[in-house]
Amino acid sequence: MPSENTGTGNPLAIPRFQWMDDANCKGQTYQMFPKEHKDISYITPARALCEECTVRSQCLEYALEFPPADMHGVWAGMTSRQLAAEQKRRGVKPVRPTLSRMWSA
């Protein structure tokens, strides 16, 4: 796995990886992770950004490290429900802390 850089010294901080700088969604996170949405209309345009992304596989592996209930938006073209199904299919258990653990740190 590429080296991570949290930049904070906090082991519960959300890690940053070099591949994130190469993601198609960089600078467009508002499309991937809308702060407010009443429907799922953001998913199709978000998936379009993921479709040709050169770091999609790294993004998916990263997303699978987290509890799917914490994964808002679209990661590697998948919603949180799809990420949960992929974790189950692969037999992957989340290794990253939940959001509640990070917020209480």
PDB file of N, CA and C in Angstrom:
ATOM      1  N   MET A   1       0.856  -1.181   0.000  1.00  0.00           N
ATOM      2  CA  MET A   1       0.000   0.000   0.000  1.00  0.00           C
ATOM      3  C   MET A   1       0.893   1.233   0.000  1.00  0.00           C
ATOM      4  N   PRO A   2       0.509   2.271  -0.779  1.00  0.00           N
ATOM      5  CA  PRO A   2       1.302   3.494  -0.788  1.00  0.00           C
ATOM      6  C   PRO A   2       1.332   4.133   0.586  1.00  0.00           C
ATOM      7  N   SER A   3       2.402   4.864   0.844  1.00  0.00           N
ATOM      8  CA  SER A   3       2.492   5.498   2.154  1.00  0.00           C
ATOM      9  C   SER A   3       1.414   6.558   2.292  1.00  0.00           C
ATOM     10  N   GLU A   4       0.879   6.628   3.509  1.00  0.00           N
ATOM     11  CA  GLU A   4      -0.163   7.603   3.761  1.00  0.00           C
ATOM     12  C   GLU A   4       0.422   8.786   4.500  1.00  0.00           C
ATOM     13  N   ASN A   5      -0.238   9.903   4.350  1.00  0.00           N
ATOM     14  CA  ASN A   5       0.189  11.118   5.005  1.00  0.00           C
ATOM     15  C   ASN A   5      -1.041  11.790   5.584  1.00  0.00           C
ATOM     16  N   THR A   6      -1.199  11.720   6.887  1.00  0.00           N
ATOM     17  CA  THR A   6      -2.349  12.356   7.515  1.00  0.00           C
ATOM     18  C   THR A   6      -2.066  13.822   7.766  1.00  0.00           C
ATOM     19  N   GLY A   7      -0.811  14.178   7.942  1.00  0.00           N
ATOM     20  CA  GLY A   7      -0.444  15.558   8.166  1.00  0.00           C
ATOM     21  C   GLY A   7      -0.821  16.082   9.542  1.00  0.00           C
ATOM     22  N   THR A   8      -1.361  15.230  10.422  1.00  0.00           N
ATOM     23  CA  THR A   8      -1.819  15.724  11.713  1.00  0.00           C
ATOM     24  C   THR A   8      -1.139  15.057  12.897  1.00  0.00           C
ATOM     25  N   GLY A   9      -0.566  13.894  12.700  1.00  0.00           N
ATOM     26  CA  GLY A   9      -0.009  13.144  13.817  1.00  0.00           C
ATOM     27  C   GLY A   9      -1.084  12.398  14.592  1.00  0.00           C
ATOM     28  N   ASN A  10      -2.344  12.585  14.239  1.00  0.00           N
ATOM     29  CA  ASN A  10      -3.462  11.907  14.887  1.00  0.00           C
ATOM     30  C   ASN A  10      -3.696  10.578  14.179  1.00  0.00           C
ATOM     31  N   PRO A  11      -3.525   9.440  14.882  1.00  0.00           N
ATOM     32  CA  PRO A  11      -3.699   8.147  14.217  1.00  0.00           C
ATOM     33  C   PRO A  11      -5.129   7.902  13.748  1.00  0.00           C
ATOM     34  N   LEU A  12      -6.086   8.663  14.248  1.00  0.00           N
ATOM     35  CA  LEU A  12      -7.472   8.502  13.816  1.00  0.00           C
ATOM     36  C   LEU A  12      -7.874   9.479  12.717  1.00  0.00           C
ATOM     37  N   ALA A  13      -6.947  10.342  12.298  1.00  0.00           N
ATOM     38  CA  ALA A  13      -7.246  11.303  11.231  1.00  0.00           C
ATOM     39  C   ALA A  13      -7.454  10.565   9.914  1.00  0.00           C
ATOM     40  N   ILE A  14      -8.249  11.145   9.046  1.00  0.00           N
ATOM     41  CA  ILE A  14      -8.476  10.543   7.734  1.00  0.00           C
ATOM     42  C   ILE A  14      -7.184  10.647   6.935  1.00  0.00           C
ATOM     43  N   PRO A  15      -6.657   9.511   6.483  1.00  0.00           N
ATOM     44  CA  PRO A  15      -5.367   9.526   5.777  1.00  0.00           C
ATOM     45  C   PRO A  15      -5.480  10.103   4.369  1.00  0.00           C
ATOM     46  N   ARG A  16      -4.381  10.662   3.890  1.00  0.00           N
ATOM     47  CA  ARG A  16      -4.261  11.155   2.524  1.00  0.00           C
ATOM     48  C   ARG A  16      -3.201  10.324   1.827  1.00  0.00           C
ATOM     49  N   PHE A  17      -3.456   9.980   0.595  1.00  0.00           N
ATOM     50  CA  PHE A  17      -2.517   9.217  -0.213  1.00  0.00           C
ATOM     51  C   PHE A  17      -2.187   9.988  -1.477  1.00  0.00           C
ATOM     52  N   GLN A  18      -1.018   9.748  -2.023  1.00  0.00           N
ATOM     53  CA  GLN A  18      -0.584  10.421  -3.251  1.00  0.00           C
ATOM     54  C   GLN A  18      -1.568  10.183  -4.387  1.00  0.00           C
ATOM     55  N   TRP A  19      -2.142   8.984  -4.504  1.00  0.00           N
ATOM     56  CA  TRP A  19      -3.051   8.692  -5.606  1.00  0.00           C
ATOM     57  C   TRP A  19      -4.268   9.621  -5.604  1.00  0.00           C
ATOM     58  N   MET A  20      -4.622  10.171  -4.446  1.00  0.00           N
ATOM     59  CA  MET A  20      -5.784  11.064  -4.360  1.00  0.00           C
ATOM     60  C   MET A  20      -5.574  12.324  -5.199  1.00  0.00           C
ATOM     61  N   ASP A  21      -4.319  12.723  -5.386  1.00  0.00           N
ATOM     62  CA  ASP A  21      -4.032  13.895  -6.207  1.00  0.00           C
ATOM     63  C   ASP A  21      -4.276  13.633  -7.695  1.00  0.00           C
ATOM     64  N   ASP A  22      -4.331  12.365  -8.090  1.00  0.00           N
ATOM     65  CA  ASP A  22      -4.536  11.991  -9.486  1.00  0.00           C
ATOM     66  C   ASP A  22      -5.983  11.604  -9.796  1.00  0.00           C
ATOM     67  N   ALA A  23      -6.846  11.655  -8.801  1.00  0.00           N
ATOM     68  CA  ALA A  23      -8.244  11.253  -8.987  1.00  0.00           C
ATOM     69  C   ALA A  23      -8.990  12.240  -9.879  1.00  0.00           C
ATOM     70  N   ASN A  24      -9.857  11.727 -10.740  1.00  0.00           N
ATOM     71  CA  ASN A  24     -10.684  12.579 -11.601  1.00  0.00           C
ATOM     72  C   ASN A  24     -11.565  13.524 -10.796  1.00  0.00           C
ATOM     73  N   CYS A  25     -11.922  13.133  -9.596  1.00  0.00           N
ATOM     74  CA  CYS A  25     -12.826  13.953  -8.780  1.00  0.00           C
ATOM     75  C   CYS A  25     -12.098  15.015  -7.967  1.00  0.00           C
ATOM     76  N   LYS A  26     -10.772  15.057  -8.039  1.00  0.00           N
ATOM     77  CA  LYS A  26     -10.053  16.065  -7.264  1.00  0.00           C
ATOM     78  C   LYS A  26     -10.548  17.457  -7.655  1.00  0.00           C
ATOM     79  N   GLY A  27     -10.928  18.221  -6.648  1.00  0.00           N
ATOM     80  CA  GLY A  27     -11.462  19.543  -6.873  1.00  0.00           C
ATOM     81  C   GLY A  27     -12.941  19.551  -7.224  1.00  0.00           C
ATOM     82  N   GLN A  28     -13.541  18.373  -7.306  1.00  0.00           N
ATOM     83  CA  GLN A  28     -14.953  18.246  -7.650  1.00  0.00           C
ATOM     84  C   GLN A  28     -15.692  17.396  -6.620  1.00  0.00           C
ATOM     85  N   THR A  29     -15.210  17.419  -5.416  1.00  0.00           N
ATOM     86  CA  THR A  29     -15.822  16.568  -4.395  1.00  0.00           C
ATOM     87  C   THR A  29     -17.280  16.910  -4.145  1.00  0.00           C
ATOM     88  N   TYR A  30     -17.676  18.134  -4.461  1.00  0.00           N
ATOM     89  CA  TYR A  30     -19.087  18.506  -4.316  1.00  0.00           C
ATOM     90  C   TYR A  30     -19.982  17.616  -5.178  1.00  0.00           C
ATOM     91  N   GLN A  31     -19.440  17.079  -6.276  1.00  0.00           N
ATOM     92  CA  GLN A  31     -20.214  16.171  -7.119  1.00  0.00           C
ATOM     93  C   GLN A  31     -20.237  14.755  -6.550  1.00  0.00           C
ATOM     94  N   MET A  32     -19.185  14.380  -5.868  1.00  0.00           N
ATOM     95  CA  MET A  32     -19.058  13.016  -5.349  1.00  0.00           C
ATOM     96  C   MET A  32     -19.722  12.862  -3.986  1.00  0.00           C
ATOM     97  N   PHE A  33     -19.643  13.902  -3.190  1.00  0.00           N
ATOM     98  CA  PHE A  33     -20.101  13.854  -1.809  1.00  0.00           C
ATOM     99  C   PHE A  33     -20.919  15.108  -1.491  1.00  0.00           C
ATOM    100  N   PRO A  34     -22.107  15.235  -2.083  1.00  0.00           N
ATOM    101  CA  PRO A  34     -22.893  16.454  -1.861  1.00  0.00           C
ATOM    102  C   PRO A  34     -23.265  16.612  -0.392  1.00  0.00           C
ATOM    103  N   LYS A  35     -23.183  17.838   0.082  1.00  0.00           N
ATOM    104  CA  LYS A  35     -23.520  18.094   1.487  1.00  0.00           C
ATOM    105  C   LYS A  35     -25.001  17.894   1.732  1.00  0.00           C
ATOM    106  N   GLU A  36     -25.797  18.284   0.773  1.00  0.00           N
ATOM    107  CA  GLU A  36     -27.243  18.121   0.901  1.00  0.00           C
ATOM    108  C   GLU A  36     -27.784  17.552  -0.401  1.00  0.00           C
ATOM    109  N   HIS A  37     -28.552  16.524  -0.294  1.00  0.00           N
ATOM    110  CA  HIS A  37     -29.233  16.001  -1.471  1.00  0.00           C
ATOM    111  C   HIS A  37     -30.523  15.333  -1.011  1.00  0.00           C
ATOM    112  N   LYS A  38     -31.550  15.559  -1.765  1.00  0.00           N
ATOM    113  CA  LYS A  38     -32.852  15.001  -1.429  1.00  0.00           C
ATOM    114  C   LYS A  38     -33.129  13.726  -2.217  1.00  0.00           C
ATOM    115  N   ASP A  39     -32.311  13.472  -3.225  1.00  0.00           N
ATOM    116  CA  ASP A  39     -32.514  12.299  -4.064  1.00  0.00           C
ATOM    117  C   ASP A  39     -31.151  11.735  -4.471  1.00  0.00           C
ATOM    118  N   ILE A  40     -31.174  10.799  -5.367  1.00  0.00           N
ATOM    119  CA  ILE A  40     -29.925  10.152  -5.777  1.00  0.00           C
ATOM    120  C   ILE A  40     -29.429  10.650  -7.132  1.00  0.00           C
ATOM    121  N   SER A  41     -29.908  11.796  -7.570  1.00  0.00           N
ATOM    122  CA  SER A  41     -29.545  12.302  -8.894  1.00  0.00           C
ATOM    123  C   SER A  41     -28.056  12.602  -9.037  1.00  0.00           C
ATOM    124  N   TYR A  42     -27.337  12.785  -7.949  1.00  0.00           N
ATOM    125  CA  TYR A  42     -25.892  13.068  -8.037  1.00  0.00           C
ATOM    126  C   TYR A  42     -25.079  11.837  -8.412  1.00  0.00           C
ATOM    127  N   ILE A  43     -25.647  10.650  -8.241  1.00  0.00           N
ATOM    128  CA  ILE A  43     -24.879   9.415  -8.437  1.00  0.00           C
ATOM    129  C   ILE A  43     -24.428   9.231  -9.876  1.00  0.00           C
ATOM    130  N   THR A  44     -25.283   9.453 -10.853  1.00  0.00           N
ATOM    131  CA  THR A  44     -24.911   9.236 -12.258  1.00  0.00           C
ATOM    132  C   THR A  44     -23.753  10.129 -12.688  1.00  0.00           C
ATOM    133  N   PRO A  45     -23.796  11.446 -12.427  1.00  0.00           N
ATOM    134  CA  PRO A  45     -22.635  12.266 -12.799  1.00  0.00           C
ATOM    135  C   PRO A  45     -21.370  11.888 -12.022  1.00  0.00           C
ATOM    136  N   ALA A  46     -21.529  11.494 -10.763  1.00  0.00           N
ATOM    137  CA  ALA A  46     -20.365  11.084  -9.971  1.00  0.00           C
ATOM    138  C   ALA A  46     -19.738   9.830 -10.568  1.00  0.00           C
ATOM    139  N   ARG A  47     -20.563   8.879 -10.932  1.00  0.00           N
ATOM    140  CA  ARG A  47     -20.043   7.643 -11.543  1.00  0.00           C
ATOM    141  C   ARG A  47     -19.342   7.931 -12.863  1.00  0.00           C
ATOM    142  N   ALA A  48     -19.822   8.922 -13.597  1.00  0.00           N
ATOM    143  CA  ALA A  48     -19.177   9.283 -14.862  1.00  0.00           C
ATOM    144  C   ALA A  48     -17.744   9.757 -14.622  1.00  0.00           C
ATOM    145  N   LEU A  49     -17.510  10.482 -13.526  1.00  0.00           N
ATOM    146  CA  LEU A  49     -16.140  10.891 -13.186  1.00  0.00           C
ATOM    147  C   LEU A  49     -15.277   9.673 -12.857  1.00  0.00           C
ATOM    148  N   CYS A  50     -15.860   8.701 -12.202  1.00  0.00           N
ATOM    149  CA  CYS A  50     -15.120   7.502 -11.799  1.00  0.00           C
ATOM    150  C   CYS A  50     -14.796   6.587 -12.978  1.00  0.00           C
ATOM    151  N   GLU A  51     -15.668   6.591 -13.960  1.00  0.00           N
ATOM    152  CA  GLU A  51     -15.577   5.617 -15.043  1.00  0.00           C
ATOM    153  C   GLU A  51     -14.201   5.547 -15.701  1.00  0.00           C
ATOM    154  N   GLU A  52     -13.604   6.668 -15.991  1.00  0.00           N
ATOM    155  CA  GLU A  52     -12.309   6.699 -16.672  1.00  0.00           C
ATOM    156  C   GLU A  52     -11.160   7.081 -15.745  1.00  0.00           C
ATOM    157  N   CYS A  53     -11.400   7.056 -14.449  1.00  0.00           N
ATOM    158  CA  CYS A  53     -10.383   7.476 -13.490  1.00  0.00           C
ATOM    159  C   CYS A  53      -9.238   6.462 -13.427  1.00  0.00           C
ATOM    160  N   THR A  54      -8.025   6.959 -13.479  1.00  0.00           N
ATOM    161  CA  THR A  54      -6.852   6.078 -13.470  1.00  0.00           C
ATOM    162  C   THR A  54      -6.535   5.512 -12.090  1.00  0.00           C
ATOM    163  N   VAL A  55      -7.131   6.071 -11.046  1.00  0.00           N
ATOM    164  CA  VAL A  55      -6.866   5.585  -9.687  1.00  0.00           C
ATOM    165  C   VAL A  55      -8.107   4.941  -9.064  1.00  0.00           C
ATOM    166  N   ARG A  56      -9.025   4.511  -9.893  1.00  0.00           N
ATOM    167  CA  ARG A  56     -10.273   3.918  -9.409  1.00  0.00           C
ATOM    168  C   ARG A  56     -10.023   2.695  -8.528  1.00  0.00           C
ATOM    169  N   SER A  57      -9.085   1.861  -8.895  1.00  0.00           N
ATOM    170  CA  SER A  57      -8.828   0.655  -8.092  1.00  0.00           C
ATOM    171  C   SER A  57      -8.271   1.021  -6.718  1.00  0.00           C
ATOM    172  N   GLN A  58      -7.391   2.018  -6.654  1.00  0.00           N
ATOM    173  CA  GLN A  58      -6.878   2.468  -5.356  1.00  0.00           C
ATOM    174  C   GLN A  58      -8.003   3.062  -4.509  1.00  0.00           C
ATOM    175  N   CYS A  59      -8.886   3.814  -5.139  1.00  0.00           N
ATOM    176  CA  CYS A  59     -10.016   4.414  -4.448  1.00  0.00           C
ATOM    177  C   CYS A  59     -10.918   3.326  -3.860  1.00  0.00           C
ATOM    178  N   LEU A  60     -11.180   2.285  -4.639  1.00  0.00           N
ATOM    179  CA  LEU A  60     -12.019   1.195  -4.150  1.00  0.00           C
ATOM    180  C   LEU A  60     -11.368   0.486  -2.972  1.00  0.00           C
ATOM    181  N   GLU A  61     -10.099   0.182  -3.086  1.00  0.00           N
ATOM    182  CA  GLU A  61      -9.412  -0.500  -1.978  1.00  0.00           C
ATOM    183  C   GLU A  61      -9.450   0.359  -0.718  1.00  0.00           C
ATOM    184  N   TYR A  62      -9.277   1.647  -0.874  1.00  0.00           N
ATOM    185  CA  TYR A  62      -9.337   2.576   0.249  1.00  0.00           C
ATOM    186  C   TYR A  62     -10.735   2.580   0.859  1.00  0.00           C
ATOM    187  N   ALA A  63     -11.748   2.716   0.028  1.00  0.00           N
ATOM    188  CA  ALA A  63     -13.132   2.766   0.516  1.00  0.00           C
ATOM    189  C   ALA A  63     -13.513   1.488   1.253  1.00  0.00           C
ATOM    190  N   LEU A  64     -13.000   0.358   0.819  1.00  0.00           N
ATOM    191  CA  LEU A  64     -13.334  -0.919   1.459  1.00  0.00           C
ATOM    192  C   LEU A  64     -12.730  -1.052   2.857  1.00  0.00           C
ATOM    193  N   GLU A  65     -11.812  -0.154   3.209  1.00  0.00           N
ATOM    194  CA  GLU A  65     -11.210  -0.185   4.544  1.00  0.00           C
ATOM    195  C   GLU A  65     -12.120   0.408   5.616  1.00  0.00           C
ATOM    196  N   PHE A  66     -13.174   1.114   5.208  1.00  0.00           N
ATOM    197  CA  PHE A  66     -14.053   1.819   6.136  1.00  0.00           C
ATOM    198  C   PHE A  66     -15.392   1.101   6.289  1.00  0.00           C
ATOM    199  N   PRO A  67     -16.062   1.314   7.413  1.00  0.00           N
ATOM    200  CA  PRO A  67     -17.422   0.788   7.551  1.00  0.00           C
ATOM    201  C   PRO A  67     -18.314   1.464   6.499  1.00  0.00           C
ATOM    202  N   PRO A  68     -19.046   0.703   5.691  1.00  0.00           N
ATOM    203  CA  PRO A  68     -19.832   1.302   4.621  1.00  0.00           C
ATOM    204  C   PRO A  68     -20.860   2.320   5.105  1.00  0.00           C
ATOM    205  N   ALA A  69     -21.369   2.165   6.295  1.00  0.00           N
ATOM    206  CA  ALA A  69     -22.346   3.125   6.821  1.00  0.00           C
ATOM    207  C   ALA A  69     -21.738   4.518   6.952  1.00  0.00           C
ATOM    208  N   ASP A  70     -20.418   4.607   7.054  1.00  0.00           N
ATOM    209  CA  ASP A  70     -19.732   5.890   7.160  1.00  0.00           C
ATOM    210  C   ASP A  70     -19.385   6.494   5.795  1.00  0.00           C
ATOM    211  N   MET A  71     -19.573   5.734   4.741  1.00  0.00           N
ATOM    212  CA  MET A  71     -19.115   6.160   3.418  1.00  0.00           C
ATOM    213  C   MET A  71     -20.218   6.869   2.642  1.00  0.00           C
ATOM    214  N   HIS A  72     -20.340   8.157   2.859  1.00  0.00           N
ATOM    215  CA  HIS A  72     -21.294   9.000   2.152  1.00  0.00           C
ATOM    216  C   HIS A  72     -20.808   9.217   0.722  1.00  0.00           C
ATOM    217  N   GLY A  73     -21.704   9.313  -0.218  1.00  0.00           N
ATOM    218  CA  GLY A  73     -21.346   9.667  -1.584  1.00  0.00           C
ATOM    219  C   GLY A  73     -20.969   8.476  -2.435  1.00  0.00           C
ATOM    220  N   VAL A  74     -20.125   8.738  -3.425  1.00  0.00           N
ATOM    221  CA  VAL A  74     -19.704   7.730  -4.397  1.00  0.00           C
ATOM    222  C   VAL A  74     -18.189   7.569  -4.315  1.00  0.00           C
ATOM    223  N   TRP A  75     -17.760   6.334  -4.165  1.00  0.00           N
ATOM    224  CA  TRP A  75     -16.337   5.979  -4.112  1.00  0.00           C
ATOM    225  C   TRP A  75     -16.090   4.942  -5.189  1.00  0.00           C
ATOM    226  N   ALA A  76     -15.167   5.207  -6.099  1.00  0.00           N
ATOM    227  CA  ALA A  76     -14.827   4.263  -7.171  1.00  0.00           C
ATOM    228  C   ALA A  76     -16.074   3.829  -7.935  1.00  0.00           C
ATOM    229  N   GLY A  77     -17.039   4.733  -8.036  1.00  0.00           N
ATOM    230  CA  GLY A  77     -18.261   4.435  -8.768  1.00  0.00           C
ATOM    231  C   GLY A  77     -19.300   3.674  -7.976  1.00  0.00           C
ATOM    232  N   MET A  78     -19.073   3.496  -6.674  1.00  0.00           N
ATOM    233  CA  MET A  78     -19.986   2.709  -5.839  1.00  0.00           C
ATOM    234  C   MET A  78     -20.584   3.543  -4.709  1.00  0.00           C
ATOM    235  N   THR A  79     -21.829   3.244  -4.398  1.00  0.00           N
ATOM    236  CA  THR A  79     -22.493   3.851  -3.247  1.00  0.00           C
ATOM    237  C   THR A  79     -22.157   3.044  -1.997  1.00  0.00           C
ATOM    238  N   SER A  80     -22.550   3.532  -0.843  1.00  0.00           N
ATOM    239  CA  SER A  80     -22.254   2.810   0.397  1.00  0.00           C
ATOM    240  C   SER A  80     -22.890   1.431   0.411  1.00  0.00           C
ATOM    241  N   ARG A  81     -24.065   1.297  -0.143  1.00  0.00           N
ATOM    242  CA  ARG A  81     -24.723  -0.018  -0.207  1.00  0.00           C
ATOM    243  C   ARG A  81     -23.924  -0.981  -1.087  1.00  0.00           C
ATOM    244  N   GLN A  82     -23.422  -0.485  -2.205  1.00  0.00           N
ATOM    245  CA  GLN A  82     -22.610  -1.318  -3.090  1.00  0.00           C
ATOM    246  C   GLN A  82     -21.265  -1.665  -2.455  1.00  0.00           C
ATOM    247  N   LEU A  83     -20.696  -0.711  -1.712  1.00  0.00           N
ATOM    248  CA  LEU A  83     -19.445  -0.997  -1.000  1.00  0.00           C
ATOM    249  C   LEU A  83     -19.656  -2.099   0.031  1.00  0.00           C
ATOM    250  N   ALA A  84     -20.772  -2.060   0.742  1.00  0.00           N
ATOM    251  CA  ALA A  84     -21.076  -3.101   1.723  1.00  0.00           C
ATOM    252  C   ALA A  84     -21.188  -4.464   1.044  1.00  0.00           C
ATOM    253  N   ALA A  85     -21.843  -4.498  -0.106  1.00  0.00           N
ATOM    254  CA  ALA A  85     -21.974  -5.761  -0.849  1.00  0.00           C
ATOM    255  C   ALA A  85     -20.613  -6.259  -1.322  1.00  0.00           C
ATOM    256  N   GLU A  86     -19.752  -5.338  -1.751  1.00  0.00           N
ATOM    257  CA  GLU A  86     -18.405  -5.718  -2.212  1.00  0.00           C
ATOM    258  C   GLU A  86     -17.567  -6.239  -1.050  1.00  0.00           C
ATOM    259  N   GLN A  87     -17.684  -5.598   0.111  1.00  0.00           N
ATOM    260  CA  GLN A  87     -16.980  -6.104   1.295  1.00  0.00           C
ATOM    261  C   GLN A  87     -17.433  -7.526   1.610  1.00  0.00           C
ATOM    262  N   LYS A  88     -18.720  -7.749   1.571  1.00  0.00           N
ATOM    263  CA  LYS A  88     -19.264  -9.079   1.864  1.00  0.00           C
ATOM    264  C   LYS A  88     -18.789 -10.086   0.828  1.00  0.00           C
ATOM    265  N   ARG A  89     -18.852  -9.711  -0.451  1.00  0.00           N
ATOM    266  CA  ARG A  89     -18.421 -10.608  -1.526  1.00  0.00           C
ATOM    267  C   ARG A  89     -16.956 -11.017  -1.360  1.00  0.00           C
ATOM    268  N   ARG A  90     -16.112 -10.064  -0.979  1.00  0.00           N
ATOM    269  CA  ARG A  90     -14.672 -10.328  -0.809  1.00  0.00           C
ATOM    270  C   ARG A  90     -14.315 -10.884   0.561  1.00  0.00           C
ATOM    271  N   GLY A  91     -15.251 -10.814   1.500  1.00  0.00           N
ATOM    272  CA  GLY A  91     -14.943 -11.229   2.866  1.00  0.00           C
ATOM    273  C   GLY A  91     -14.036 -10.239   3.570  1.00  0.00           C
ATOM    274  N   VAL A  92     -14.166  -8.956   3.229  1.00  0.00           N
ATOM    275  CA  VAL A  92     -13.329  -7.894   3.777  1.00  0.00           C
ATOM    276  C   VAL A  92     -14.009  -7.275   4.995  1.00  0.00           C
ATOM    277  N   LYS A  93     -13.239  -7.099   6.048  1.00  0.00           N
ATOM    278  CA  LYS A  93     -13.720  -6.410   7.248  1.00  0.00           C
ATOM    279  C   LYS A  93     -13.083  -5.024   7.286  1.00  0.00           C
ATOM    280  N   PRO A  94     -13.855  -3.986   7.611  1.00  0.00           N
ATOM    281  CA  PRO A  94     -13.278  -2.643   7.714  1.00  0.00           C
ATOM    282  C   PRO A  94     -12.164  -2.597   8.757  1.00  0.00           C
ATOM    283  N   VAL A  95     -11.079  -1.906   8.434  1.00  0.00           N
ATOM    284  CA  VAL A  95      -9.952  -1.781   9.361  1.00  0.00           C
ATOM    285  C   VAL A  95      -9.781  -0.352   9.874  1.00  0.00           C
ATOM    286  N   ARG A  96     -10.443   0.580   9.240  1.00  0.00           N
ATOM    287  CA  ARG A  96     -10.349   1.981   9.657  1.00  0.00           C
ATOM    288  C   ARG A  96     -11.372   2.243  10.754  1.00  0.00           C
ATOM    289  N   PRO A  97     -11.114   3.249  11.572  1.00  0.00           N
ATOM    290  CA  PRO A  97     -12.069   3.579  12.643  1.00  0.00           C
ATOM    291  C   PRO A  97     -13.368   4.146  12.073  1.00  0.00           C
ATOM    292  N   THR A  98     -14.436   3.983  12.812  1.00  0.00           N
ATOM    293  CA  THR A  98     -15.698   4.579  12.413  1.00  0.00           C
ATOM    294  C   THR A  98     -15.619   6.091  12.635  1.00  0.00           C
ATOM    295  N   LEU A  99     -16.519   6.821  12.009  1.00  0.00           N
ATOM    296  CA  LEU A  99     -16.556   8.271  12.196  1.00  0.00           C
ATOM    297  C   LEU A  99     -16.747   8.637  13.659  1.00  0.00           C
ATOM    298  N   SER A 100     -17.582   7.879  14.357  1.00  0.00           N
ATOM    299  CA  SER A 100     -17.803   8.201  15.783  1.00  0.00           C
ATOM    300  C   SER A 100     -16.520   8.052  16.581  1.00  0.00           C
ATOM    301  N   ARG A 101     -15.673   7.089  16.241  1.00  0.00           N
ATOM    302  CA  ARG A 101     -14.384   6.950  16.938  1.00  0.00           C
ATOM    303  C   ARG A 101     -13.480   8.123  16.614  1.00  0.00           C
ATOM    304  N   MET A 102     -13.487   8.589  15.352  1.00  0.00           N
ATOM    305  CA  MET A 102     -12.634   9.716  14.982  1.00  0.00           C
ATOM    306  C   MET A 102     -13.104  10.990  15.667  1.00  0.00           C
ATOM    307  N   TRP A 103     -14.423  11.196  15.728  1.00  0.00           N
ATOM    308  CA  TRP A 103     -14.950  12.416  16.332  1.00  0.00           C
ATOM    309  C   TRP A 103     -14.743  12.459  17.829  1.00  0.00           C
ATOM    310  N   SER A 104     -14.665  11.302  18.470  1.00  0.00           N
ATOM    311  CA  SER A 104     -14.505  11.288  19.923  1.00  0.00           C
ATOM    312  C   SER A 104     -13.043  11.300  20.339  1.00  0.00           C
ATOM    313  N   ALA A 105     -12.148  11.248  19.365  1.00  0.00           N
ATOM    314  CA  ALA A 105     -10.695  11.224  19.676  1.00  0.00           C
ATOM    315  C   ALA A 105     -10.199  12.585  20.103  1.00  0.00           C
TER     316      ALA A 105
END
